[in-house]
Amino acid sequence: GYARTYFRSSTDSPGGLQIADAVSSIRGGHALATTGPFVRATIKK
């Protein structure tokens, strides 16, 4: 399935991801939608 949503996570381990953390990240807008490219952007961190 594509497109996909990438969201900010506190862990790089899929097994360590908590559902509540994923929901909080999506609700907070800490995400991007993509077919492939990965974008990082920060202003004052």
All heavy atoms as atom14 arrays in JSON, in Angstrom:
{
  "sequence": "GYARTYFRSSTDSPGGLQIADAVSSIRGGHALATTGPFVRATIKK",
  "atom14_mask": [
    [1, 1, 1, 1, 0, 0, 0, 0, 0, 0, 0, 0, 0, 0],
    [1, 1, 1, 1, 1, 1, 1, 1, 1, 1, 1, 1, 0, 0],
    [1, 1, 1, 1, 1, 0, 0, 0, 0, 0, 0, 0, 0, 0],
    [1, 1, 1, 1, 1, 1, 1, 1, 1, 1, 1, 0, 0, 0],
    [1, 1, 1, 1, 1, 1, 1, 0, 0, 0, 0, 0, 0, 0],
    [1, 1, 1, 1, 1, 1, 1, 1, 1, 1, 1, 1, 0, 0],
    [1, 1, 1, 1, 1, 1, 1, 1, 1, 1, 1, 0, 0, 0],
    [1, 1, 1, 1, 1, 1, 1, 1, 1, 1, 1, 0, 0, 0],
    [1, 1, 1, 1, 1, 1, 0, 0, 0, 0, 0, 0, 0, 0],
    [1, 1, 1, 1, 1, 1, 0, 0, 0, 0, 0, 0, 0, 0],
    [1, 1, 1, 1, 1, 1, 1, 0, 0, 0, 0, 0, 0, 0],
    [1, 1, 1, 1, 1, 1, 1, 1, 0, 0, 0, 0, 0, 0],
    [1, 1, 1, 1, 1, 1, 0, 0, 0, 0, 0, 0, 0, 0],
    [1, 1, 1, 1, 1, 1, 1, 0, 0, 0, 0, 0, 0, 0],
    [1, 1, 1, 1, 0, 0, 0, 0, 0, 0, 0, 0, 0, 0],
    [1, 1, 1, 1, 0, 0, 0, 0, 0, 0, 0, 0, 0, 0],
    [1, 1, 1, 1, 1, 1, 1, 1, 0, 0, 0, 0, 0, 0],
    [1, 1, 1, 1, 1, 1, 1, 1, 1, 0, 0, 0, 0, 0],
    [1, 1, 1, 1, 1, 1, 1, 1, 0, 0, 0, 0, 0, 0],
    [1, 1, 1, 1, 1, 0, 0, 0, 0, 0, 0, 0, 0, 0],
    [1, 1, 1, 1, 1, 1, 1, 1, 0, 0, 0, 0, 0, 0],
    [1, 1, 1, 1, 1, 0, 0, 0, 0, 0, 0, 0, 0, 0],
    [1, 1, 1, 1, 1, 1, 1, 0, 0, 0, 0, 0, 0, 0],
    [1, 1, 1, 1, 1, 1, 0, 0, 0, 0, 0, 0, 0, 0],
    [1, 1, 1, 1, 1, 1, 0, 0, 0, 0, 0, 0, 0, 0],
    [1, 1, 1, 1, 1, 1, 1, 1, 0, 0, 0, 0, 0, 0],
    [1, 1, 1, 1, 1, 1, 1, 1, 1, 1, 1, 0, 0, 0],
    [1, 1, 1, 1, 0, 0, 0, 0, 0, 0, 0, 0, 0, 0],
    [1, 1, 1, 1, 0, 0, 0, 0, 0, 0, 0, 0, 0, 0],
    [1, 1, 1, 1, 1, 1, 1, 1, 1, 1, 0, 0, 0, 0],
    [1, 1, 1, 1, 1, 0, 0, 0, 0, 0, 0, 0, 0, 0],
    [1, 1, 1, 1, 1, 1, 1, 1, 0, 0, 0, 0, 0, 0],
    [1, 1, 1, 1, 1, 0, 0, 0, 0, 0, 0, 0, 0, 0],
    [1, 1, 1, 1, 1, 1, 1, 0, 0, 0, 0, 0, 0, 0],
    [1, 1, 1, 1, 1, 1, 1, 0, 0, 0, 0, 0, 0, 0],
    [1, 1, 1, 1, 0, 0, 0, 0, 0, 0, 0, 0, 0, 0],
    [1, 1, 1, 1, 1, 1, 1, 0, 0, 0, 0, 0, 0, 0],
    [1, 1, 1, 1, 1, 1, 1, 1, 1, 1, 1, 0, 0, 0],
    [1, 1, 1, 1, 1, 1, 1, 0, 0, 0, 0, 0, 0, 0],
    [1, 1, 1, 1, 1, 1, 1, 1, 1, 1, 1, 0, 0, 0],
    [1, 1, 1, 1, 1, 0, 0, 0, 0, 0, 0, 0, 0, 0],
    [1, 1, 1, 1, 1, 1, 1, 0, 0, 0, 0, 0, 0, 0],
    [1, 1, 1, 1, 1, 1, 1, 1, 0, 0, 0, 0, 0, 0],
    [1, 1, 1, 1, 1, 1, 1, 1, 1, 0, 0, 0, 0, 0],
    [1, 1, 1, 1, 1, 1, 1, 1, 1, 0, 0, 0, 0, 0]
  ],
  "atom14_positions": [
    [[0.8, -1.22, 0.0], [0.0, 0.0, 0.0], [0.83, 1.27, 0.0], [1.74, 1.43, 0.79], [0.0, 0.0, 0.0], [0.0, 0.0, 0.0], [0.0, 0.0, 0.0], [0.0, 0.0, 0.0], [0.0, 0.0, 0.0], [0.0, 0.0, 0.0], [0.0, 0.0, 0.0], [0.0, 0.0, 0.0], [0.0, 0.0, 0.0], [0.0, 0.0, 0.0]],
    [[0.51, 2.19, -0.86], [1.1, 3.52, -0.92], [-0.02, 4.49, -1.22], [-1.01, 4.1, -1.82], [2.15, 3.6, -2.05], [3.42, 2.84, -1.8], [3.57, 1.54, -2.24], [4.47, 3.42, -1.09], [4.74, 0.82, -2.01], [5.64, 2.71, -0.85], [5.77, 1.42, -1.31], [6.92, 0.73, -1.08], [0.0, 0.0, 0.0], [0.0, 0.0, 0.0]],
    [[-0.01, 5.73, -0.92], [1.04, 6.47, -0.21], [1.09, 6.07, 1.26], [0.17, 5.45, 1.78], [0.77, 7.97, -0.33], [0.0, 0.0, 0.0], [0.0, 0.0, 0.0], [0.0, 0.0, 0.0], [0.0, 0.0, 0.0], [0.0, 0.0, 0.0], [0.0, 0.0, 0.0], [0.0, 0.0, 0.0], [0.0, 0.0, 0.0], [0.0, 0.0, 0.0]],
    [[2.18, 6.48, 1.93], [2.37, 6.13, 3.32], [2.56, 7.38, 4.17], [2.92, 8.44, 3.65], [3.56, 5.2, 3.47], [3.3, 3.82, 2.88], [4.48, 2.89, 3.04], [4.13, 1.54, 2.57], [5.01, 0.56, 2.47], [6.26, 0.76, 2.8], [4.62, -0.64, 2.05], [0.0, 0.0, 0.0], [0.0, 0.0, 0.0], [0.0, 0.0, 0.0]],
    [[2.35, 7.22, 5.46], [2.52, 8.3, 6.41], [3.67, 7.96, 7.34], [3.66, 6.9, 7.99], [1.24, 8.51, 7.24], [0.14, 8.74, 6.36], [1.39, 9.7, 8.17], [0.0, 0.0, 0.0], [0.0, 0.0, 0.0], [0.0, 0.0, 0.0], [0.0, 0.0, 0.0], [0.0, 0.0, 0.0], [0.0, 0.0, 0.0], [0.0, 0.0, 0.0]],
    [[4.66, 8.84, 7.4], [5.74, 8.7, 8.36], [5.5, 9.68, 9.49], [5.15, 10.85, 9.25], [7.09, 9.0, 7.71], [7.57, 7.91, 6.77], [7.26, 7.95, 5.41], [8.31, 6.83, 7.25], [7.68, 6.94, 4.55], [8.74, 5.83, 6.4], [8.42, 5.89, 5.06], [8.83, 4.89, 4.21], [0.0, 0.0, 0.0], [0.0, 0.0, 0.0]],
    [[5.69, 9.22, 10.73], [5.45, 10.09, 11.88], [6.64, 10.01, 12.84], [7.39, 9.03, 12.86], [4.15, 9.73, 12.59], [4.08, 8.31, 13.09], [4.54, 7.97, 14.35], [3.55, 7.31, 12.29], [4.49, 6.67, 14.81], [3.48, 6.0, 12.73], [3.97, 5.68, 14.0], [0.0, 0.0, 0.0], [0.0, 0.0, 0.0], [0.0, 0.0, 0.0]],
    [[6.78, 11.05, 13.64], [7.88, 11.12, 14.6], [7.68, 10.08, 15.7], [6.59, 9.92, 16.23], [7.95, 12.52, 15.22], [9.17, 12.74, 16.11], [9.34, 14.2, 16.44], [8.22, 14.71, 17.24], [8.07, 15.99, 17.57], [8.94, 16.89, 17.13], [7.04, 16.38, 18.29], [0.0, 0.0, 0.0], [0.0, 0.0, 0.0], [0.0, 0.0, 0.0]],
    [[8.77, 9.37, 16.02], [8.69, 8.31, 17.01], [9.86, 8.44, 17.99], [10.94, 8.93, 17.63], [8.73, 6.94, 16.33], [8.85, 5.9, 17.28], [0.0, 0.0, 0.0], [0.0, 0.0, 0.0], [0.0, 0.0, 0.0], [0.0, 0.0, 0.0], [0.0, 0.0, 0.0], [0.0, 0.0, 0.0], [0.0, 0.0, 0.0], [0.0, 0.0, 0.0]],
    [[9.63, 7.97, 19.2], [10.68, 8.0, 20.22], [11.61, 6.8, 20.11], [12.6, 6.71, 20.84], [10.05, 8.03, 21.62], [9.24, 6.87, 21.81], [0.0, 0.0, 0.0], [0.0, 0.0, 0.0], [0.0, 0.0, 0.0], [0.0, 0.0, 0.0], [0.0, 0.0, 0.0], [0.0, 0.0, 0.0], [0.0, 0.0, 0.0], [0.0, 0.0, 0.0]],
    [[11.31, 5.86, 19.21], [12.14, 4.67, 19.08], [12.27, 4.28, 17.61], [11.39, 4.52, 16.8], [11.52, 3.49, 19.86], [12.3, 2.31, 19.64], [10.09, 3.22, 19.41], [0.0, 0.0, 0.0], [0.0, 0.0, 0.0], [0.0, 0.0, 0.0], [0.0, 0.0, 0.0], [0.0, 0.0, 0.0], [0.0, 0.0, 0.0], [0.0, 0.0, 0.0]],
    [[13.42, 3.66, 17.28], [13.63, 3.11, 15.95], [13.25, 1.63, 15.88], [13.36, 1.01, 14.82], [15.11, 3.26, 15.55], [15.47, 4.7, 15.27], [14.57, 5.44, 14.87], [16.65, 5.06, 15.46], [0.0, 0.0, 0.0], [0.0, 0.0, 0.0], [0.0, 0.0, 0.0], [0.0, 0.0, 0.0], [0.0, 0.0, 0.0], [0.0, 0.0, 0.0]],
    [[12.83, 1.07, 16.99], [12.49, -0.35, 17.05], [10.98, -0.51, 16.9], [10.21, -0.06, 17.77], [12.94, -0.95, 18.39], [12.43, -2.27, 18.54], [0.0, 0.0, 0.0], [0.0, 0.0, 0.0], [0.0, 0.0, 0.0], [0.0, 0.0, 0.0], [0.0, 0.0, 0.0], [0.0, 0.0, 0.0], [0.0, 0.0, 0.0], [0.0, 0.0, 0.0]],
    [[10.51, -1.15, 15.83], [9.06, -1.34, 15.66], [8.41, -2.03, 16.86], [7.3, -1.7, 17.25], [8.96, -2.19, 14.39], [10.21, -1.89, 13.64], [11.26, -1.69, 14.68], [0.0, 0.0, 0.0], [0.0, 0.0, 0.0], [0.0, 0.0, 0.0], [0.0, 0.0, 0.0], [0.0, 0.0, 0.0], [0.0, 0.0, 0.0], [0.0, 0.0, 0.0]],
    [[9.13, -2.96, 17.46], [8.57, -3.67, 18.59], [8.44, -2.82, 19.84], [7.65, -3.13, 20.74], [0.0, 0.0, 0.0], [0.0, 0.0, 0.0], [0.0, 0.0, 0.0], [0.0, 0.0, 0.0], [0.0, 0.0, 0.0], [0.0, 0.0, 0.0], [0.0, 0.0, 0.0], [0.0, 0.0, 0.0], [0.0, 0.0, 0.0], [0.0, 0.0, 0.0]],
    [[9.2, -1.73, 19.89], [9.15, -0.86, 21.05], [8.16, 0.28, 20.92], [8.0, 1.08, 21.86], [0.0, 0.0, 0.0], [0.0, 0.0, 0.0], [0.0, 0.0, 0.0], [0.0, 0.0, 0.0], [0.0, 0.0, 0.0], [0.0, 0.0, 0.0], [0.0, 0.0, 0.0], [0.0, 0.0, 0.0], [0.0, 0.0, 0.0], [0.0, 0.0, 0.0]],
    [[7.51, 0.38, 19.76], [6.56, 1.48, 19.53], [5.27, 1.25, 20.3], [4.69, 0.18, 20.25], [6.25, 1.58, 18.04], [5.28, 2.69, 17.62], [5.87, 4.06, 17.88], [4.92, 2.54, 16.14], [0.0, 0.0, 0.0], [0.0, 0.0, 0.0], [0.0, 0.0, 0.0], [0.0, 0.0, 0.0], [0.0, 0.0, 0.0], [0.0, 0.0, 0.0]],
    [[4.86, 2.26, 21.03], [3.6, 2.21, 21.77], [2.49, 2.87, 20.94], [2.7, 3.94, 20.35], [3.75, 2.93, 23.12], [4.8, 2.34, 24.03], [4.46, 0.92, 24.45], [3.34, 0.64, 24.88], [5.44, 0.01, 24.31], [0.0, 0.0, 0.0], [0.0, 0.0, 0.0], [0.0, 0.0, 0.0], [0.0, 0.0, 0.0], [0.0, 0.0, 0.0]],
    [[1.31, 2.24, 20.89], [0.2, 2.77, 20.11], [-0.15, 4.18, 20.55], [-0.4, 5.06, 19.73], [-1.02, 1.84, 20.21], [-0.73, 0.51, 19.51], [-2.25, 2.5, 19.59], [-1.85, -0.51, 19.61], [0.0, 0.0, 0.0], [0.0, 0.0, 0.0], [0.0, 0.0, 0.0], [0.0, 0.0, 0.0], [0.0, 0.0, 0.0], [0.0, 0.0, 0.0]],
    [[-0.14, 4.43, 21.85], [-0.49, 5.76, 22.36], [0.48, 6.81, 21.85], [0.09, 7.94, 21.55], [-0.5, 5.74, 23.89], [0.0, 0.0, 0.0], [0.0, 0.0, 0.0], [0.0, 0.0, 0.0], [0.0, 0.0, 0.0], [0.0, 0.0, 0.0], [0.0, 0.0, 0.0], [0.0, 0.0, 0.0], [0.0, 0.0, 0.0], [0.0, 0.0, 0.0]],
    [[1.77, 6.44, 21.73], [2.77, 7.39, 21.21], [2.52, 7.69, 19.74], [2.67, 8.83, 19.29], [4.18, 6.83, 21.39], [4.58, 6.74, 22.86], [3.98, 7.45, 23.69], [5.5, 5.95, 23.17], [0.0, 0.0, 0.0], [0.0, 0.0, 0.0], [0.0, 0.0, 0.0], [0.0, 0.0, 0.0], [0.0, 0.0, 0.0], [0.0, 0.0, 0.0]],
    [[2.16, 6.65, 18.97], [1.86, 6.85, 17.55], [0.65, 7.75, 17.37], [0.66, 8.67, 16.54], [1.63, 5.5, 16.86], [0.0, 0.0, 0.0], [0.0, 0.0, 0.0], [0.0, 0.0, 0.0], [0.0, 0.0, 0.0], [0.0, 0.0, 0.0], [0.0, 0.0, 0.0], [0.0, 0.0, 0.0], [0.0, 0.0, 0.0], [0.0, 0.0, 0.0]],
    [[-0.4, 7.51, 18.15], [-1.61, 8.32, 18.06], [-1.31, 9.77, 18.43], [-1.75, 10.71, 17.75], [-2.71, 7.75, 18.98], [-3.9, 8.71, 19.06], [-3.18, 6.39, 18.47], [0.0, 0.0, 0.0], [0.0, 0.0, 0.0], [0.0, 0.0, 0.0], [0.0, 0.0, 0.0], [0.0, 0.0, 0.0], [0.0, 0.0, 0.0], [0.0, 0.0, 0.0]],
    [[-0.53, 9.96, 19.49], [-0.18, 11.32, 19.92], [0.62, 12.05, 18.85], [0.41, 13.24, 18.59], [0.61, 11.25, 21.22], [1.04, 12.53, 21.62], [0.0, 0.0, 0.0], [0.0, 0.0, 0.0], [0.0, 0.0, 0.0], [0.0, 0.0, 0.0], [0.0, 0.0, 0.0], [0.0, 0.0, 0.0], [0.0, 0.0, 0.0], [0.0, 0.0, 0.0]],
    [[1.53, 11.34, 18.2], [2.36, 11.96, 17.17], [1.53, 12.37, 15.96], [1.69, 13.47, 15.42], [3.46, 10.98, 16.75], [4.41, 11.61, 15.9], [0.0, 0.0, 0.0], [0.0, 0.0, 0.0], [0.0, 0.0, 0.0], [0.0, 0.0, 0.0], [0.0, 0.0, 0.0], [0.0, 0.0, 0.0], [0.0, 0.0, 0.0], [0.0, 0.0, 0.0]],
    [[0.62, 11.48, 15.52], [-0.25, 11.82, 14.39], [-1.15, 12.99, 14.75], [-1.3, 13.94, 13.96], [-1.09, 10.6, 13.98], [-0.21, 9.5, 13.39], [-2.17, 11.01, 12.96], [0.43, 9.85, 12.06], [0.0, 0.0, 0.0], [0.0, 0.0, 0.0], [0.0, 0.0, 0.0], [0.0, 0.0, 0.0], [0.0, 0.0, 0.0], [0.0, 0.0, 0.0]],
    [[-1.77, 12.96, 15.92], [-2.64, 14.07, 16.32], [-1.88, 15.38, 16.41], [-2.43, 16.44, 16.13], [-3.28, 13.75, 17.67], [-4.46, 12.8, 17.59], [-5.02, 12.5, 18.96], [-6.29, 11.79, 18.89], [-6.88, 11.19, 19.9], [-6.3, 11.21, 21.11], [-8.03, 10.58, 19.74], [0.0, 0.0, 0.0], [0.0, 0.0, 0.0], [0.0, 0.0, 0.0]],
    [[-0.6, 15.31, 16.76], [0.2, 16.52, 16.87], [0.73, 17.05, 15.56], [1.4, 18.09, 15.53], [0.0, 0.0, 0.0], [0.0, 0.0, 0.0], [0.0, 0.0, 0.0], [0.0, 0.0, 0.0], [0.0, 0.0, 0.0], [0.0, 0.0, 0.0], [0.0, 0.0, 0.0], [0.0, 0.0, 0.0], [0.0, 0.0, 0.0], [0.0, 0.0, 0.0]],
    [[0.46, 16.34, 14.45], [0.91, 16.81, 13.14], [2.37, 16.53, 12.85], [2.94, 17.08, 11.9], [0.0, 0.0, 0.0], [0.0, 0.0, 0.0], [0.0, 0.0, 0.0], [0.0, 0.0, 0.0], [0.0, 0.0, 0.0], [0.0, 0.0, 0.0], [0.0, 0.0, 0.0], [0.0, 0.0, 0.0], [0.0, 0.0, 0.0], [0.0, 0.0, 0.0]],
    [[3.01, 15.65, 13.66], [4.43, 15.36, 13.48], [4.59, 14.28, 12.41], [5.03, 13.16, 12.7], [5.05, 14.92, 14.8], [4.71, 15.77, 15.97], [4.85, 17.16, 15.94], [4.2, 15.48, 17.2], [4.47, 17.66, 17.1], [4.06, 16.67, 17.88], [0.0, 0.0, 0.0], [0.0, 0.0, 0.0], [0.0, 0.0, 0.0], [0.0, 0.0, 0.0]],
    [[4.23, 14.6, 11.17], [4.14, 13.56, 10.14], [4.29, 14.15, 8.75], [4.15, 15.36, 8.55], [2.79, 12.84, 10.27], [0.0, 0.0, 0.0], [0.0, 0.0, 0.0], [0.0, 0.0, 0.0], [0.0, 0.0, 0.0], [0.0, 0.0, 0.0], [0.0, 0.0, 0.0], [0.0, 0.0, 0.0], [0.0, 0.0, 0.0], [0.0, 0.0, 0.0]],
    [[4.56, 13.25, 7.78], [4.54, 13.63, 6.37], [3.95, 12.48, 5.58], [4.05, 11.31, 5.97], [5.94, 13.97, 5.84], [6.93, 12.81, 5.68], [7.77, 13.0, 4.43], [7.86, 12.73, 6.89], [0.0, 0.0, 0.0], [0.0, 0.0, 0.0], [0.0, 0.0, 0.0], [0.0, 0.0, 0.0], [0.0, 0.0, 0.0], [0.0, 0.0, 0.0]],
    [[3.32, 12.8, 4.45], [2.76, 11.81, 3.54], [3.69, 11.71, 2.33], [4.16, 12.73, 1.82], [1.36, 12.22, 3.1], [0.0, 0.0, 0.0], [0.0, 0.0, 0.0], [0.0, 0.0, 0.0], [0.0, 0.0, 0.0], [0.0, 0.0, 0.0], [0.0, 0.0, 0.0], [0.0, 0.0, 0.0], [0.0, 0.0, 0.0], [0.0, 0.0, 0.0]],
    [[3.95, 10.49, 1.87], [4.93, 10.32, 0.81], [4.71, 9.04, 0.02], [4.2, 8.05, 0.53], [6.36, 10.33, 1.39], [7.33, 10.21, 0.34], [6.55, 9.19, 2.39], [0.0, 0.0, 0.0], [0.0, 0.0, 0.0], [0.0, 0.0, 0.0], [0.0, 0.0, 0.0], [0.0, 0.0, 0.0], [0.0, 0.0, 0.0], [0.0, 0.0, 0.0]],
    [[5.13, 9.08, -1.25], [5.22, 7.88, -2.07], [6.63, 7.3, -2.04], [6.85, 6.21, -2.56], [4.86, 8.17, -3.54], [5.85, 9.06, -4.1], [3.49, 8.8, -3.67], [0.0, 0.0, 0.0], [0.0, 0.0, 0.0], [0.0, 0.0, 0.0], [0.0, 0.0, 0.0], [0.0, 0.0, 0.0], [0.0, 0.0, 0.0], [0.0, 0.0, 0.0]],
    [[7.59, 8.03, -1.47], [8.97, 7.56, -1.43], [9.95, 8.51, -0.78], [10.72, 8.12, 0.09], [0.0, 0.0, 0.0], [0.0, 0.0, 0.0], [0.0, 0.0, 0.0], [0.0, 0.0, 0.0], [0.0, 0.0, 0.0], [0.0, 0.0, 0.0], [0.0, 0.0, 0.0], [0.0, 0.0, 0.0], [0.0, 0.0, 0.0], [0.0, 0.0, 0.0]],
    [[9.99, 9.81, -1.19], [10.96, 10.73, -0.61], [10.75, 10.91, 0.9], [9.61, 10.86, 1.39], [10.69, 12.04, -1.35], [9.99, 11.64, -2.6], [9.2, 10.43, -2.25], [0.0, 0.0, 0.0], [0.0, 0.0, 0.0], [0.0, 0.0, 0.0], [0.0, 0.0, 0.0], [0.0, 0.0, 0.0], [0.0, 0.0, 0.0], [0.0, 0.0, 0.0]],
    [[11.83, 11.14, 1.62], [11.77, 11.38, 3.06], [12.29, 12.78, 3.33], [13.41, 13.13, 2.91], [12.6, 10.35, 3.81], [12.36, 10.35, 5.29], [11.26, 9.7, 5.83], [13.22, 11.01, 6.14], [11.02, 9.71, 7.2], [13.0, 11.02, 7.51], [11.9, 10.37, 8.04], [0.0, 0.0, 0.0], [0.0, 0.0, 0.0], [0.0, 0.0, 0.0]],
    [[11.49, 13.6, 4.0], [11.8, 15.01, 4.22], [12.0, 15.27, 5.7], [11.16, 14.88, 6.53], [10.68, 15.93, 3.68], [11.05, 17.4, 3.86], [10.4, 15.63, 2.21], [0.0, 0.0, 0.0], [0.0, 0.0, 0.0], [0.0, 0.0, 0.0], [0.0, 0.0, 0.0], [0.0, 0.0, 0.0], [0.0, 0.0, 0.0], [0.0, 0.0, 0.0]],
    [[13.09, 15.92, 6.05], [13.32, 16.43, 7.4], [13.44, 17.95, 7.3], [14.18, 18.45, 6.45], [14.59, 15.87, 8.02], [14.59, 14.36, 8.25], [15.91, 13.94, 8.9], [16.02, 12.49, 9.01], [15.62, 11.79, 10.07], [15.05, 12.44, 11.09], [15.76, 10.47, 10.11], [0.0, 0.0, 0.0], [0.0, 0.0, 0.0], [0.0, 0.0, 0.0]],
    [[12.74, 18.66, 8.18], [12.82, 20.12, 8.2], [12.65, 20.6, 9.63], [11.77, 20.12, 10.35], [11.74, 20.75, 7.31], [0.0, 0.0, 0.0], [0.0, 0.0, 0.0], [0.0, 0.0, 0.0], [0.0, 0.0, 0.0], [0.0, 0.0, 0.0], [0.0, 0.0, 0.0], [0.0, 0.0, 0.0], [0.0, 0.0, 0.0], [0.0, 0.0, 0.0]],
    [[13.51, 21.52, 10.04], [13.42, 22.07, 11.4], [13.68, 23.57, 11.37], [14.49, 24.06, 10.58], [14.43, 21.41, 12.35], [15.76, 21.58, 11.83], [14.15, 19.93, 12.53], [0.0, 0.0, 0.0], [0.0, 0.0, 0.0], [0.0, 0.0, 0.0], [0.0, 0.0, 0.0], [0.0, 0.0, 0.0], [0.0, 0.0, 0.0], [0.0, 0.0, 0.0]],
    [[12.98, 24.27, 12.24], [13.24, 25.7, 12.5], [13.45, 25.82, 14.01], [12.54, 25.48, 14.79], [12.07, 26.59, 12.06], [11.79, 26.42, 10.57], [12.37, 28.06, 12.38], [10.55, 27.18, 10.08], [0.0, 0.0, 0.0], [0.0, 0.0, 0.0], [0.0, 0.0, 0.0], [0.0, 0.0, 0.0], [0.0, 0.0, 0.0], [0.0, 0.0, 0.0]],
    [[14.62, 26.26, 14.42], [14.95, 26.31, 15.85], [14.68, 24.97, 16.52], [14.13, 24.89, 17.62], [14.16, 27.42, 16.55], [14.5, 28.84, 16.12], [13.71, 29.86, 16.95], [14.09, 31.28, 16.59], [13.35, 32.27, 17.42], [0.0, 0.0, 0.0], [0.0, 0.0, 0.0], [0.0, 0.0, 0.0], [0.0, 0.0, 0.0], [0.0, 0.0, 0.0]],
    [[15.05, 23.89, 15.83], [14.91, 22.52, 16.31], [13.45, 22.06, 16.43], [13.17, 20.99, 16.97], [15.64, 22.32, 17.64], [17.14, 22.57, 17.55], [17.83, 22.28, 18.88], [19.34, 22.5, 18.74], [20.05, 22.21, 20.02], [0.0, 0.0, 0.0], [0.0, 0.0, 0.0], [0.0, 0.0, 0.0], [0.0, 0.0, 0.0], [0.0, 0.0, 0.0]]
  ]
}
